[in-house]
Structure formats: C-alpha cells, structure tokens
Amino acid sequence: PRQVTAYAPNVPLPAIAAIFPGPDARHEDNAALEVLGAVMSRGQSSRLFQSLVYGSQVAASASLGPDIEEEGGTLNAQVTVAAGRMVEEAEAALNAEIARIRDEPITAAELIEAQTELLAADLRQRETASGRAFMLGNAVVAEHDPRAPDLRVQQIRAVTAADVQRVARRYLDENARVSIRYLD
C-alpha cells in the first residue's frame, strides 16, 4: 500500500482516490469488474451515490470502476469531497463501501440493474457510426479481436453475484492500494 498527497493552488474541492491494479483487456474477469463498477457507481441507486452523496453527504461525487487497458488495467475509486466536509470523513465512507462490496454479496436487484445499465450504454454507443468505430477500434487494438464487443455483451449477461464478490476480493486488495489525496 502507498499514500500520495498532492497539492495544487485553487483546488475547488478536495478529492481522494484509491487505485488498485487490474487485469489486461483480454482477461476473463473484466465483465465482472464492469458489473462491480456499475453496482458501485452507475445511476442514482448505486452504492457510492446512495452512501456518500445522498446518505452521509460527505461527497459531491463518487465513482468506482475499471480502467481496462491492453497491457494491464486498474480499478479506480474517485471521490470529490463535499464542501465543508473533511477528507477523513470521505475516506472512511469510501473505505466502508469498498469493504462492504468485498465482504457482502450484491443483491439480485443490484445485479440486474448493473447489467441493464451496462448493456443499455453498449447499445447507445452502437447507435452512431463514430460510436461503432470507437468500439471496434478499441476491440482490435486492446483485445486483438473485432468480435470482442459482442462477446462482452454475452459475458456481462453471464456475470453472477458470486462473480462480483470474487473479483472485489481479488482486485480490491488493500495491500496493493495506492491512496491519493488532492488538496489545496
């Protein structure tokens, strides 16, 4: 584990991040990691929004999801601390939600909603020529397979709640975490 604190002038609101190593673009865990990211931060009913933004109101925004790259990716959590709130409060709330996703299985409703969100976003991207071109280009460059976008749809549909908990336990490893504070 490693901690980094960065300072910059005129930071409107402090921010924190937690970065964990992730798999490369062709790894079988990517679909489950995408579903995990959707459970955590896609939509207003996601865990981070409900807990940090709406519930405790320690964050102005919060997200967690994979950054999938050809040679290795990351799993990134980012929180913009709400005005008047302490960085430590936001870190504690983020850490609690990370521990919760590792320790407790997601619900069937969370799984279905996450899969639906991801598949709807995929379909929206396919509606335009530029969206299809980006999707195909990324698949050829990062995954070396022009069929990857269609396979991804099948993989996301096949993800189970147990898969999400398994990848959370594997990749949200506190011993490999880089914690970042961005302050004024």
N, C-alpha and C. Protein backbone atom coordinates (compact mmCIF):
# COMPACT_ATOMS: atom_id res chain seq x y z
N PRO A 1 0.83 -1.20 0.00
CA PRO A 1 0.00 0.00 0.00
C PRO A 1 0.87 1.25 0.00
N ARG A 2 0.34 2.28 -0.60
CA ARG A 2 1.09 3.53 -0.71
C ARG A 2 0.13 4.70 -0.61
N GLN A 3 0.58 5.79 0.01
CA GLN A 3 -0.23 7.00 0.09
C GLN A 3 0.51 8.15 -0.57
N VAL A 4 -0.25 8.93 -1.36
CA VAL A 4 0.30 10.09 -2.04
C VAL A 4 -0.60 11.27 -1.72
N THR A 5 0.00 12.39 -1.36
CA THR A 5 -0.76 13.62 -1.16
C THR A 5 -0.21 14.65 -2.13
N ALA A 6 -1.10 15.20 -2.95
CA ALA A 6 -0.71 16.21 -3.94
C ALA A 6 -1.42 17.51 -3.61
N TYR A 7 -0.71 18.60 -3.79
CA TYR A 7 -1.27 19.92 -3.54
C TYR A 7 -1.25 20.73 -4.82
N ALA A 8 -2.27 21.57 -4.99
CA ALA A 8 -2.33 22.47 -6.12
C ALA A 8 -3.07 23.72 -5.69
N PRO A 9 -2.73 24.85 -6.27
CA PRO A 9 -3.44 26.08 -5.91
C PRO A 9 -4.86 26.06 -6.48
N ASN A 10 -5.76 26.69 -5.77
CA ASN A 10 -7.14 26.89 -6.23
C ASN A 10 -7.90 25.58 -6.48
N VAL A 11 -7.66 24.58 -5.69
CA VAL A 11 -8.45 23.35 -5.80
C VAL A 11 -9.84 23.67 -5.26
N PRO A 12 -10.88 23.59 -6.10
CA PRO A 12 -12.21 23.99 -5.64
C PRO A 12 -12.73 23.13 -4.50
N LEU A 13 -12.54 21.82 -4.61
CA LEU A 13 -12.93 20.89 -3.56
C LEU A 13 -11.85 19.82 -3.48
N PRO A 14 -11.51 19.37 -2.27
CA PRO A 14 -10.53 18.29 -2.17
C PRO A 14 -11.08 17.01 -2.79
N ALA A 15 -10.17 16.14 -3.21
CA ALA A 15 -10.57 14.87 -3.79
C ALA A 15 -9.68 13.76 -3.25
N ILE A 16 -10.22 12.56 -3.26
CA ILE A 16 -9.45 11.39 -2.87
C ILE A 16 -9.63 10.33 -3.94
N ALA A 17 -8.68 9.43 -3.99
CA ALA A 17 -8.77 8.30 -4.93
C ALA A 17 -8.13 7.08 -4.29
N ALA A 18 -8.58 5.94 -4.74
CA ALA A 18 -7.96 4.66 -4.38
C ALA A 18 -7.78 3.91 -5.69
N ILE A 19 -6.55 3.51 -5.96
CA ILE A 19 -6.23 2.84 -7.23
C ILE A 19 -5.67 1.46 -6.91
N PHE A 20 -6.22 0.47 -7.58
CA PHE A 20 -5.81 -0.92 -7.39
C PHE A 20 -5.40 -1.49 -8.75
N PRO A 21 -4.38 -2.35 -8.80
CA PRO A 21 -4.02 -2.99 -10.07
C PRO A 21 -5.15 -3.87 -10.59
N GLY A 22 -5.32 -3.87 -11.91
CA GLY A 22 -6.35 -4.70 -12.53
C GLY A 22 -5.77 -5.53 -13.66
N PRO A 23 -6.61 -6.33 -14.28
CA PRO A 23 -6.15 -7.22 -15.35
C PRO A 23 -6.05 -6.51 -16.70
N ASP A 24 -5.45 -7.19 -17.67
CA ASP A 24 -5.37 -6.64 -19.02
C ASP A 24 -6.72 -6.79 -19.73
N ALA A 25 -6.81 -6.21 -20.92
CA ALA A 25 -8.08 -6.12 -21.64
C ALA A 25 -8.67 -7.47 -22.04
N ARG A 26 -7.85 -8.49 -22.14
CA ARG A 26 -8.36 -9.79 -22.58
C ARG A 26 -8.69 -10.73 -21.42
N HIS A 27 -8.62 -10.25 -20.21
CA HIS A 27 -8.81 -11.11 -19.04
C HIS A 27 -10.29 -11.43 -18.84
N GLU A 28 -10.55 -12.64 -18.40
CA GLU A 28 -11.93 -13.11 -18.20
C GLU A 28 -12.66 -12.40 -17.06
N ASP A 29 -11.95 -11.71 -16.17
CA ASP A 29 -12.60 -11.02 -15.05
C ASP A 29 -13.17 -9.65 -15.41
N ASN A 30 -12.91 -9.16 -16.60
CA ASN A 30 -13.33 -7.79 -16.94
C ASN A 30 -14.83 -7.57 -16.90
N ALA A 31 -15.60 -8.52 -17.36
CA ALA A 31 -17.07 -8.35 -17.33
C ALA A 31 -17.55 -8.22 -15.89
N ALA A 32 -17.05 -9.05 -15.00
CA ALA A 32 -17.44 -8.96 -13.59
C ALA A 32 -16.97 -7.65 -12.97
N LEU A 33 -15.79 -7.17 -13.38
CA LEU A 33 -15.31 -5.88 -12.87
C LEU A 33 -16.18 -4.73 -13.37
N GLU A 34 -16.66 -4.82 -14.60
CA GLU A 34 -17.56 -3.78 -15.11
C GLU A 34 -18.88 -3.79 -14.34
N VAL A 35 -19.39 -4.97 -14.04
CA VAL A 35 -20.63 -5.06 -13.25
C VAL A 35 -20.39 -4.52 -11.85
N LEU A 36 -19.25 -4.85 -11.26
CA LEU A 36 -18.90 -4.31 -9.94
C LEU A 36 -18.90 -2.77 -9.99
N GLY A 37 -18.27 -2.20 -11.01
CA GLY A 37 -18.24 -0.75 -11.16
C GLY A 37 -19.63 -0.16 -11.30
N ALA A 38 -20.50 -0.84 -12.02
CA ALA A 38 -21.87 -0.35 -12.20
C ALA A 38 -22.65 -0.41 -10.89
N VAL A 39 -22.48 -1.48 -10.13
CA VAL A 39 -23.14 -1.58 -8.82
C VAL A 39 -22.68 -0.44 -7.92
N MET A 40 -21.40 -0.14 -7.98
CA MET A 40 -20.85 0.88 -7.10
C MET A 40 -21.20 2.30 -7.52
N SER A 41 -21.28 2.57 -8.83
CA SER A 41 -21.40 3.99 -9.18
C SER A 41 -22.18 4.35 -10.44
N ARG A 42 -22.97 3.46 -10.99
CA ARG A 42 -23.79 3.82 -12.15
C ARG A 42 -25.22 4.08 -11.69
N GLY A 43 -25.67 5.27 -11.89
CA GLY A 43 -27.04 5.60 -11.55
C GLY A 43 -27.21 6.08 -10.11
N GLN A 44 -28.36 6.67 -9.86
CA GLN A 44 -28.61 7.27 -8.56
C GLN A 44 -28.83 6.25 -7.45
N SER A 45 -29.12 5.01 -7.80
CA SER A 45 -29.31 4.00 -6.76
C SER A 45 -28.03 3.22 -6.47
N SER A 46 -26.93 3.59 -7.11
CA SER A 46 -25.67 2.88 -6.88
C SER A 46 -25.18 3.08 -5.45
N ARG A 47 -24.33 2.17 -5.02
CA ARG A 47 -23.89 2.19 -3.62
C ARG A 47 -23.15 3.46 -3.22
N LEU A 48 -22.21 3.91 -4.04
CA LEU A 48 -21.45 5.10 -3.65
C LEU A 48 -22.33 6.34 -3.63
N PHE A 49 -23.22 6.49 -4.60
CA PHE A 49 -24.10 7.65 -4.60
C PHE A 49 -25.03 7.62 -3.40
N GLN A 50 -25.63 6.46 -3.14
CA GLN A 50 -26.54 6.35 -2.01
C GLN A 50 -25.84 6.61 -0.67
N SER A 51 -24.65 6.08 -0.51
CA SER A 51 -23.95 6.20 0.77
C SER A 51 -23.22 7.53 0.94
N LEU A 52 -22.42 7.91 -0.03
CA LEU A 52 -21.55 9.08 0.12
C LEU A 52 -22.18 10.40 -0.31
N VAL A 53 -22.94 10.36 -1.41
CA VAL A 53 -23.50 11.60 -1.95
C VAL A 53 -24.85 11.93 -1.31
N TYR A 54 -25.77 10.98 -1.31
CA TYR A 54 -27.11 11.24 -0.80
C TYR A 54 -27.24 10.95 0.69
N GLY A 55 -26.65 9.87 1.15
CA GLY A 55 -26.80 9.47 2.55
C GLY A 55 -26.03 10.37 3.50
N SER A 56 -24.74 10.15 3.62
CA SER A 56 -23.93 10.92 4.57
C SER A 56 -23.57 12.31 4.05
N GLN A 57 -23.71 12.52 2.76
CA GLN A 57 -23.41 13.80 2.11
C GLN A 57 -21.97 14.26 2.34
N VAL A 58 -21.04 13.30 2.39
CA VAL A 58 -19.62 13.65 2.52
C VAL A 58 -18.98 13.88 1.16
N ALA A 59 -19.69 13.54 0.08
CA ALA A 59 -19.12 13.66 -1.26
C ALA A 59 -20.03 14.43 -2.19
N ALA A 60 -19.40 15.21 -3.07
CA ALA A 60 -20.14 15.87 -4.14
C ALA A 60 -20.33 14.90 -5.30
N SER A 61 -19.37 14.00 -5.47
CA SER A 61 -19.46 12.95 -6.48
C SER A 61 -18.59 11.78 -6.04
N ALA A 62 -18.91 10.60 -6.57
CA ALA A 62 -18.14 9.40 -6.22
C ALA A 62 -18.29 8.38 -7.33
N SER A 63 -17.21 7.68 -7.63
CA SER A 63 -17.27 6.63 -8.65
C SER A 63 -16.24 5.55 -8.34
N LEU A 64 -16.48 4.38 -8.89
CA LEU A 64 -15.54 3.28 -8.80
C LEU A 64 -15.76 2.42 -10.03
N GLY A 65 -14.67 2.11 -10.72
CA GLY A 65 -14.80 1.26 -11.89
C GLY A 65 -13.47 0.90 -12.49
N PRO A 66 -13.49 -0.04 -13.43
CA PRO A 66 -12.25 -0.48 -14.05
C PRO A 66 -11.81 0.44 -15.17
N ASP A 67 -10.51 0.54 -15.34
CA ASP A 67 -9.89 1.18 -16.50
C ASP A 67 -9.16 0.04 -17.20
N ILE A 68 -9.77 -0.47 -18.25
CA ILE A 68 -9.29 -1.67 -18.91
C ILE A 68 -8.37 -1.27 -20.06
N GLU A 69 -7.13 -1.74 -19.99
CA GLU A 69 -6.13 -1.40 -20.99
C GLU A 69 -5.51 -2.67 -21.56
N GLU A 70 -4.83 -2.53 -22.68
CA GLU A 70 -4.25 -3.68 -23.37
C GLU A 70 -3.27 -4.47 -22.51
N GLU A 71 -2.38 -3.77 -21.83
CA GLU A 71 -1.31 -4.45 -21.11
C GLU A 71 -1.51 -4.51 -19.60
N GLY A 72 -2.63 -4.12 -19.13
CA GLY A 72 -2.91 -4.13 -17.70
C GLY A 72 -3.75 -2.93 -17.35
N GLY A 73 -4.67 -3.12 -16.48
CA GLY A 73 -5.57 -2.03 -16.13
C GLY A 73 -5.53 -1.70 -14.67
N THR A 74 -6.48 -0.90 -14.25
CA THR A 74 -6.61 -0.53 -12.85
C THR A 74 -8.09 -0.53 -12.49
N LEU A 75 -8.33 -0.56 -11.21
CA LEU A 75 -9.66 -0.38 -10.66
C LEU A 75 -9.56 0.89 -9.83
N ASN A 76 -10.33 1.91 -10.21
CA ASN A 76 -10.17 3.24 -9.63
C ASN A 76 -11.43 3.71 -8.90
N ALA A 77 -11.23 4.19 -7.69
CA ALA A 77 -12.30 4.85 -6.94
C ALA A 77 -11.92 6.32 -6.82
N GLN A 78 -12.87 7.20 -7.08
CA GLN A 78 -12.62 8.64 -7.00
C GLN A 78 -13.77 9.31 -6.28
N VAL A 79 -13.42 10.21 -5.37
CA VAL A 79 -14.42 10.92 -4.59
C VAL A 79 -14.04 12.40 -4.55
N THR A 80 -14.98 13.26 -4.90
CA THR A 80 -14.83 14.70 -4.68
C THR A 80 -15.53 15.00 -3.37
N VAL A 81 -14.76 15.50 -2.41
CA VAL A 81 -15.28 15.74 -1.07
C VAL A 81 -16.25 16.93 -1.11
N ALA A 82 -17.38 16.81 -0.45
CA ALA A 82 -18.38 17.88 -0.41
C ALA A 82 -17.84 19.08 0.35
N ALA A 83 -18.30 20.24 -0.04
CA ALA A 83 -17.90 21.49 0.61
C ALA A 83 -18.21 21.41 2.11
N GLY A 84 -17.25 21.81 2.92
CA GLY A 84 -17.44 21.82 4.36
C GLY A 84 -17.23 20.49 5.05
N ARG A 85 -16.93 19.45 4.29
CA ARG A 85 -16.71 18.12 4.89
C ARG A 85 -15.21 17.81 4.91
N MET A 86 -14.83 16.93 5.80
CA MET A 86 -13.42 16.58 5.98
C MET A 86 -13.02 15.43 5.05
N VAL A 87 -11.80 15.49 4.57
CA VAL A 87 -11.26 14.43 3.72
C VAL A 87 -11.32 13.08 4.44
N GLU A 88 -11.01 13.10 5.72
CA GLU A 88 -11.02 11.86 6.51
C GLU A 88 -12.41 11.21 6.54
N GLU A 89 -13.47 12.04 6.60
CA GLU A 89 -14.83 11.51 6.58
C GLU A 89 -15.12 10.78 5.26
N ALA A 90 -14.71 11.42 4.17
CA ALA A 90 -14.94 10.83 2.85
C ALA A 90 -14.13 9.55 2.68
N GLU A 91 -12.89 9.55 3.16
CA GLU A 91 -12.07 8.34 3.08
C GLU A 91 -12.68 7.19 3.87
N ALA A 92 -13.17 7.49 5.06
CA ALA A 92 -13.79 6.45 5.89
C ALA A 92 -15.04 5.89 5.22
N ALA A 93 -15.84 6.75 4.62
CA ALA A 93 -17.06 6.30 3.95
C ALA A 93 -16.72 5.47 2.71
N LEU A 94 -15.72 5.91 1.94
CA LEU A 94 -15.30 5.14 0.77
C LEU A 94 -14.76 3.78 1.20
N ASN A 95 -13.91 3.77 2.21
CA ASN A 95 -13.34 2.52 2.70
C ASN A 95 -14.42 1.55 3.18
N ALA A 96 -15.46 2.07 3.81
CA ALA A 96 -16.56 1.23 4.28
C ALA A 96 -17.29 0.58 3.11
N GLU A 97 -17.50 1.33 2.04
CA GLU A 97 -18.19 0.76 0.87
C GLU A 97 -17.30 -0.23 0.12
N ILE A 98 -16.01 0.02 0.08
CA ILE A 98 -15.10 -0.94 -0.54
C ILE A 98 -15.10 -2.24 0.26
N ALA A 99 -15.04 -2.13 1.58
CA ALA A 99 -15.08 -3.33 2.44
C ALA A 99 -16.41 -4.06 2.26
N ARG A 100 -17.50 -3.31 2.15
CA ARG A 100 -18.82 -3.92 2.00
C ARG A 100 -18.94 -4.73 0.71
N ILE A 101 -18.42 -4.20 -0.40
CA ILE A 101 -18.53 -4.93 -1.67
C ILE A 101 -17.65 -6.19 -1.65
N ARG A 102 -16.57 -6.13 -0.87
CA ARG A 102 -15.72 -7.32 -0.73
C ARG A 102 -16.36 -8.37 0.17
N ASP A 103 -17.02 -7.91 1.23
CA ASP A 103 -17.47 -8.80 2.30
C ASP A 103 -18.90 -9.31 2.16
N GLU A 104 -19.75 -8.58 1.45
CA GLU A 104 -21.16 -8.94 1.35
C GLU A 104 -21.56 -9.10 -0.11
N PRO A 105 -22.27 -10.16 -0.44
CA PRO A 105 -22.71 -10.33 -1.83
C PRO A 105 -23.69 -9.23 -2.23
N ILE A 106 -23.67 -8.87 -3.50
CA ILE A 106 -24.64 -7.91 -4.00
C ILE A 106 -25.99 -8.60 -4.11
N THR A 107 -27.05 -7.81 -4.17
CA THR A 107 -28.39 -8.37 -4.28
C THR A 107 -28.71 -8.71 -5.74
N ALA A 108 -29.72 -9.53 -5.92
CA ALA A 108 -30.16 -9.86 -7.27
C ALA A 108 -30.62 -8.60 -8.01
N ALA A 109 -31.28 -7.70 -7.31
CA ALA A 109 -31.74 -6.45 -7.93
C ALA A 109 -30.56 -5.58 -8.37
N GLU A 110 -29.52 -5.51 -7.54
CA GLU A 110 -28.33 -4.75 -7.92
C GLU A 110 -27.67 -5.35 -9.16
N LEU A 111 -27.60 -6.66 -9.22
CA LEU A 111 -27.00 -7.34 -10.36
C LEU A 111 -27.76 -7.03 -11.64
N ILE A 112 -29.07 -7.17 -11.60
CA ILE A 112 -29.89 -6.93 -12.79
C ILE A 112 -29.79 -5.48 -13.23
N GLU A 113 -29.85 -4.55 -12.28
CA GLU A 113 -29.76 -3.14 -12.63
C GLU A 113 -28.41 -2.81 -13.25
N ALA A 114 -27.32 -3.34 -12.69
CA ALA A 114 -25.99 -3.08 -13.22
C ALA A 114 -25.85 -3.65 -14.63
N GLN A 115 -26.30 -4.86 -14.84
CA GLN A 115 -26.22 -5.46 -16.17
C GLN A 115 -27.05 -4.66 -17.17
N THR A 116 -28.22 -4.23 -16.77
CA THR A 116 -29.08 -3.44 -17.65
C THR A 116 -28.43 -2.11 -18.01
N GLU A 117 -27.85 -1.43 -17.02
CA GLU A 117 -27.15 -0.16 -17.27
C GLU A 117 -26.02 -0.34 -18.28
N LEU A 118 -25.22 -1.39 -18.08
CA LEU A 118 -24.08 -1.63 -18.97
C LEU A 118 -24.53 -1.98 -20.38
N LEU A 119 -25.52 -2.83 -20.51
CA LEU A 119 -25.99 -3.23 -21.82
C LEU A 119 -26.68 -2.08 -22.54
N ALA A 120 -27.40 -1.24 -21.82
CA ALA A 120 -28.04 -0.07 -22.43
C ALA A 120 -26.98 0.91 -22.94
N ALA A 121 -25.93 1.12 -22.16
CA ALA A 121 -24.84 2.01 -22.60
C ALA A 121 -24.15 1.45 -23.84
N ASP A 122 -23.98 0.14 -23.88
CA ASP A 122 -23.37 -0.51 -25.04
C ASP A 122 -24.23 -0.28 -26.29
N LEU A 123 -25.53 -0.46 -26.15
CA LEU A 123 -26.44 -0.26 -27.29
C LEU A 123 -26.46 1.20 -27.74
N ARG A 124 -26.43 2.13 -26.78
CA ARG A 124 -26.39 3.55 -27.14
C ARG A 124 -25.13 3.87 -27.94
N GLN A 125 -24.00 3.28 -27.56
CA GLN A 125 -22.75 3.54 -28.27
C GLN A 125 -22.83 3.01 -29.70
N ARG A 126 -23.55 1.93 -29.91
CA ARG A 126 -23.66 1.33 -31.23
C ARG A 126 -24.61 2.10 -32.15
N GLU A 127 -25.31 3.10 -31.64
CA GLU A 127 -26.29 3.84 -32.44
C GLU A 127 -25.65 4.77 -33.45
N THR A 128 -24.41 5.18 -33.23
CA THR A 128 -23.77 6.11 -34.16
C THR A 128 -22.57 5.44 -34.82
N ALA A 129 -22.23 5.96 -36.00
CA ALA A 129 -21.06 5.42 -36.72
C ALA A 129 -19.78 5.64 -35.92
N SER A 130 -19.65 6.81 -35.31
CA SER A 130 -18.43 7.07 -34.53
C SER A 130 -18.37 6.18 -33.29
N GLY A 131 -19.51 5.90 -32.67
CA GLY A 131 -19.54 5.01 -31.52
C GLY A 131 -19.14 3.60 -31.91
N ARG A 132 -19.68 3.12 -33.03
CA ARG A 132 -19.31 1.78 -33.51
C ARG A 132 -17.84 1.73 -33.89
N ALA A 133 -17.34 2.78 -34.53
CA ALA A 133 -15.93 2.82 -34.94
C ALA A 133 -15.01 2.80 -33.72
N PHE A 134 -15.35 3.58 -32.69
CA PHE A 134 -14.53 3.58 -31.49
C PHE A 134 -14.54 2.22 -30.83
N MET A 135 -15.72 1.62 -30.72
CA MET A 135 -15.86 0.31 -30.09
C MET A 135 -15.04 -0.74 -30.84
N LEU A 136 -15.16 -0.76 -32.16
CA LEU A 136 -14.43 -1.73 -32.97
C LEU A 136 -12.93 -1.47 -32.91
N GLY A 137 -12.53 -0.20 -33.02
CA GLY A 137 -11.10 0.14 -32.96
C GLY A 137 -10.48 -0.27 -31.64
N ASN A 138 -11.17 0.00 -30.56
CA ASN A 138 -10.67 -0.37 -29.23
C ASN A 138 -10.56 -1.89 -29.10
N ALA A 139 -11.55 -2.60 -29.64
CA ALA A 139 -11.52 -4.07 -29.57
C ALA A 139 -10.34 -4.63 -30.35
N VAL A 140 -10.07 -4.08 -31.52
CA VAL A 140 -8.95 -4.57 -32.33
C VAL A 140 -7.62 -4.23 -31.68
N VAL A 141 -7.46 -3.01 -31.18
CA VAL A 141 -6.19 -2.59 -30.60
C VAL A 141 -5.94 -3.24 -29.23
N ALA A 142 -6.91 -3.15 -28.34
CA ALA A 142 -6.68 -3.61 -26.96
C ALA A 142 -6.85 -5.12 -26.80
N GLU A 143 -7.82 -5.69 -27.53
CA GLU A 143 -8.13 -7.10 -27.32
C GLU A 143 -7.75 -7.99 -28.50
N HIS A 144 -7.32 -7.36 -29.59
CA HIS A 144 -6.90 -8.10 -30.79
C HIS A 144 -8.01 -8.99 -31.33
N ASP A 145 -9.26 -8.53 -31.19
CA ASP A 145 -10.40 -9.34 -31.61
C ASP A 145 -11.57 -8.42 -31.97
N PRO A 146 -11.92 -8.32 -33.26
CA PRO A 146 -13.05 -7.45 -33.64
C PRO A 146 -14.40 -7.96 -33.12
N ARG A 147 -14.46 -9.19 -32.66
CA ARG A 147 -15.71 -9.74 -32.10
C ARG A 147 -15.86 -9.42 -30.62
N ALA A 148 -14.87 -8.81 -30.01
CA ALA A 148 -14.87 -8.56 -28.57
C ALA A 148 -16.11 -7.82 -28.06
N PRO A 149 -16.61 -6.78 -28.77
CA PRO A 149 -17.81 -6.10 -28.23
C PRO A 149 -19.03 -7.03 -28.11
N ASP A 150 -19.21 -7.92 -29.06
CA ASP A 150 -20.34 -8.85 -28.98
C ASP A 150 -20.12 -9.89 -27.89
N LEU A 151 -18.88 -10.34 -27.74
CA LEU A 151 -18.56 -11.28 -26.67
C LEU A 151 -18.76 -10.64 -25.30
N ARG A 152 -18.42 -9.33 -25.20
CA ARG A 152 -18.57 -8.60 -23.94
C ARG A 152 -20.03 -8.60 -23.49
N VAL A 153 -20.96 -8.43 -24.43
CA VAL A 153 -22.39 -8.45 -24.10
C VAL A 153 -22.75 -9.79 -23.47
N GLN A 154 -22.30 -10.88 -24.07
CA GLN A 154 -22.58 -12.22 -23.54
C GLN A 154 -21.95 -12.40 -22.16
N GLN A 155 -20.74 -11.90 -22.00
CA GLN A 155 -20.04 -12.05 -20.72
C GLN A 155 -20.73 -11.27 -19.61
N ILE A 156 -21.17 -10.05 -19.90
CA ILE A 156 -21.87 -9.24 -18.90
C ILE A 156 -23.17 -9.92 -18.48
N ARG A 157 -23.88 -10.47 -19.44
CA ARG A 157 -25.14 -11.18 -19.12
C ARG A 157 -24.89 -12.40 -18.24
N ALA A 158 -23.71 -13.01 -18.35
CA ALA A 158 -23.40 -14.23 -17.62
C ALA A 158 -22.85 -13.99 -16.21
N VAL A 159 -22.52 -12.74 -15.88
CA VAL A 159 -21.95 -12.43 -14.56
C VAL A 159 -22.97 -12.73 -13.46
N THR A 160 -22.49 -13.33 -12.38
CA THR A 160 -23.33 -13.64 -11.22
C THR A 160 -22.91 -12.76 -10.03
N ALA A 161 -23.74 -12.74 -9.01
CA ALA A 161 -23.39 -12.01 -7.78
C ALA A 161 -22.11 -12.58 -7.18
N ALA A 162 -21.93 -13.88 -7.25
CA ALA A 162 -20.71 -14.51 -6.73
C ALA A 162 -19.48 -14.05 -7.51
N ASP A 163 -19.63 -13.86 -8.84
CA ASP A 163 -18.50 -13.36 -9.64
C ASP A 163 -18.09 -11.96 -9.18
N VAL A 164 -19.07 -11.12 -8.90
CA VAL A 164 -18.78 -9.75 -8.46
C VAL A 164 -18.03 -9.77 -7.13
N GLN A 165 -18.48 -10.58 -6.20
CA GLN A 165 -17.79 -10.64 -4.91
C GLN A 165 -16.38 -11.23 -5.07
N ARG A 166 -16.24 -12.21 -5.95
CA ARG A 166 -14.92 -12.82 -6.18
C ARG A 166 -13.92 -11.79 -6.72
N VAL A 167 -14.34 -10.99 -7.72
CA VAL A 167 -13.40 -10.01 -8.27
C VAL A 167 -13.16 -8.87 -7.29
N ALA A 168 -14.17 -8.53 -6.49
CA ALA A 168 -13.97 -7.49 -5.47
C ALA A 168 -12.90 -7.94 -4.48
N ARG A 169 -12.98 -9.18 -4.06
CA ARG A 169 -11.99 -9.71 -3.10
C ARG A 169 -10.60 -9.81 -3.74
N ARG A 170 -10.57 -10.16 -5.00
CA ARG A 170 -9.28 -10.33 -5.67
C ARG A 170 -8.60 -8.99 -5.99
N TYR A 171 -9.34 -8.05 -6.53
CA TYR A 171 -8.72 -6.82 -7.05
C TYR A 171 -8.75 -5.64 -6.08
N LEU A 172 -9.69 -5.59 -5.17
CA LEU A 172 -9.71 -4.50 -4.19
C LEU A 172 -8.85 -4.90 -3.00
N ASP A 173 -7.60 -5.15 -3.28
CA ASP A 173 -6.62 -5.65 -2.32
C ASP A 173 -5.94 -4.47 -1.63
N GLU A 174 -6.18 -4.33 -0.34
CA GLU A 174 -5.62 -3.20 0.42
C GLU A 174 -4.09 -3.20 0.40
N ASN A 175 -3.47 -4.34 0.20
CA ASN A 175 -2.00 -4.41 0.17
C ASN A 175 -1.42 -3.91 -1.15
N ALA A 176 -2.26 -3.73 -2.15
CA ALA A 176 -1.81 -3.24 -3.45
C ALA A 176 -2.37 -1.84 -3.76
N ARG A 177 -3.01 -1.23 -2.81
CA ARG A 177 -3.72 0.04 -2.99
C ARG A 177 -2.78 1.23 -2.99
N VAL A 178 -3.07 2.17 -3.90
CA VAL A 178 -2.44 3.48 -3.86
C VAL A 178 -3.56 4.47 -3.51
N SER A 179 -3.42 5.13 -2.37
CA SER A 179 -4.40 6.13 -1.91
C SER A 179 -3.88 7.50 -2.24
N ILE A 180 -4.73 8.34 -2.80
CA ILE A 180 -4.32 9.69 -3.20
C ILE A 180 -5.25 10.71 -2.57
N ARG A 181 -4.64 11.77 -2.05
CA ARG A 181 -5.37 12.94 -1.59
C ARG A 181 -4.94 14.12 -2.46
N TYR A 182 -5.92 14.84 -3.00
CA TYR A 182 -5.64 16.01 -3.84
C TYR A 182 -6.21 17.22 -3.09
N LEU A 183 -5.32 18.06 -2.59
CA LEU A 183 -5.70 19.14 -1.68
C LEU A 183 -5.21 20.49 -2.15
N ASP A 184 -5.77 21.55 -1.56
CA ASP A 184 -5.37 22.92 -1.85
C ASP A 184 -4.21 23.30 -0.93
